[in-house]
Amino acid sequence: MSTRILRDASGADVTLPDPPRRIVSLIPCITEILFALGLDEAVAGVTRY
């Protein structure tokens, strides 16, 4: 287990106890890239743009 500390857009620190395993994509072209990279199993949600 490796703890990760990230800073969000508001400047607050967010601690993740485990590495991220799922992805939510809010931009359709990024969703296409994720699938092209073979990360489709990790995609948990997409936008309905």
C-alpha atoms as a PDB file:
ATOM      1  CA  MET A   1       0.000   0.000   0.000  1.00  0.00           C
ATOM      2  CA  SER A   2       1.452   3.364  -1.012  1.00  0.00           C
ATOM      3  CA  THR A   3      -0.230   6.546   0.177  1.00  0.00           C
ATOM      4  CA  ARG A   4      -0.437   9.336  -2.380  1.00  0.00           C
ATOM      5  CA  ILE A   5      -1.086  12.970  -1.590  1.00  0.00           C
ATOM      6  CA  LEU A   6      -2.458  15.104  -4.423  1.00  0.00           C
ATOM      7  CA  ARG A   7      -3.462  18.762  -4.546  1.00  0.00           C
ATOM      8  CA  ASP A   8      -6.847  19.481  -6.112  1.00  0.00           C
ATOM      9  CA  ALA A   9      -7.840  22.534  -8.165  1.00  0.00           C
ATOM     10  CA  SER A  10      -8.852  24.470  -5.040  1.00  0.00           C
ATOM     11  CA  GLY A  11      -5.443  23.919  -3.432  1.00  0.00           C
ATOM     12  CA  ALA A  12      -6.623  21.351  -0.869  1.00  0.00           C
ATOM     13  CA  ASP A  13      -4.493  18.255  -0.280  1.00  0.00           C
ATOM     14  CA  VAL A  14      -6.264  14.950  -0.943  1.00  0.00           C
ATOM     15  CA  THR A  15      -4.809  11.739   0.506  1.00  0.00           C
ATOM     16  CA  LEU A  16      -5.375   8.517  -1.421  1.00  0.00           C
ATOM     17  CA  PRO A  17      -4.585   5.423   0.672  1.00  0.00           C
ATOM     18  CA  ASP A  18      -4.183   3.228  -2.441  1.00  0.00           C
ATOM     19  CA  PRO A  19      -3.259   3.959  -6.058  1.00  0.00           C
ATOM     20  CA  PRO A  20      -6.287   4.969  -8.162  1.00  0.00           C
ATOM     21  CA  ARG A  21      -7.857   2.032 -10.038  1.00  0.00           C
ATOM     22  CA  ARG A  22     -10.874   3.633 -11.722  1.00  0.00           C
ATOM     23  CA  ILE A  23     -11.265   6.602 -14.067  1.00  0.00           C
ATOM     24  CA  VAL A  24     -14.172   8.970 -14.711  1.00  0.00           C
ATOM     25  CA  SER A  25     -13.700  10.835 -17.987  1.00  0.00           C
ATOM     26  CA  LEU A  26     -15.584  14.106 -18.488  1.00  0.00           C
ATOM     27  CA  ILE A  27     -14.136  14.918 -21.915  1.00  0.00           C
ATOM     28  CA  PRO A  28     -15.114  12.698 -24.860  1.00  0.00           C
ATOM     29  CA  CYS A  29     -11.781  12.989 -26.694  1.00  0.00           C
ATOM     30  CA  ILE A  30      -9.952  11.938 -23.499  1.00  0.00           C
ATOM     31  CA  THR A  31     -12.291   8.935 -23.231  1.00  0.00           C
ATOM     32  CA  GLU A  32     -11.224   7.911 -26.743  1.00  0.00           C
ATOM     33  CA  ILE A  33      -7.561   8.189 -25.747  1.00  0.00           C
ATOM     34  CA  LEU A  34      -8.139   6.063 -22.628  1.00  0.00           C
ATOM     35  CA  PHE A  35      -9.690   3.329 -24.774  1.00  0.00           C
ATOM     36  CA  ALA A  36      -6.858   3.574 -27.316  1.00  0.00           C
ATOM     37  CA  LEU A  37      -4.380   3.083 -24.455  1.00  0.00           C
ATOM     38  CA  GLY A  38      -6.202  -0.083 -23.395  1.00  0.00           C
ATOM     39  CA  LEU A  39      -7.573   1.433 -20.192  1.00  0.00           C
ATOM     40  CA  ASP A  40     -11.210   0.650 -20.995  1.00  0.00           C
ATOM     41  CA  GLU A  41     -11.468  -1.740 -18.012  1.00  0.00           C
ATOM     42  CA  ALA A  42     -10.512   1.140 -15.672  1.00  0.00           C
ATOM     43  CA  VAL A  43     -13.140   3.564 -17.032  1.00  0.00           C
ATOM     44  CA  ALA A  44     -15.952   3.742 -14.467  1.00  0.00           C
ATOM     45  CA  GLY A  45     -17.937   6.621 -15.957  1.00  0.00           C
ATOM     46  CA  VAL A  46     -18.134   9.017 -18.876  1.00  0.00           C
ATOM     47  CA  THR A  47     -20.038  12.180 -19.672  1.00  0.00           C
ATOM     48  CA  ARG A  48     -23.195  12.132 -21.796  1.00  0.00           C
ATOM     49  CA  TYR A  49     -22.043  15.058 -23.927  1.00  0.00           C
END
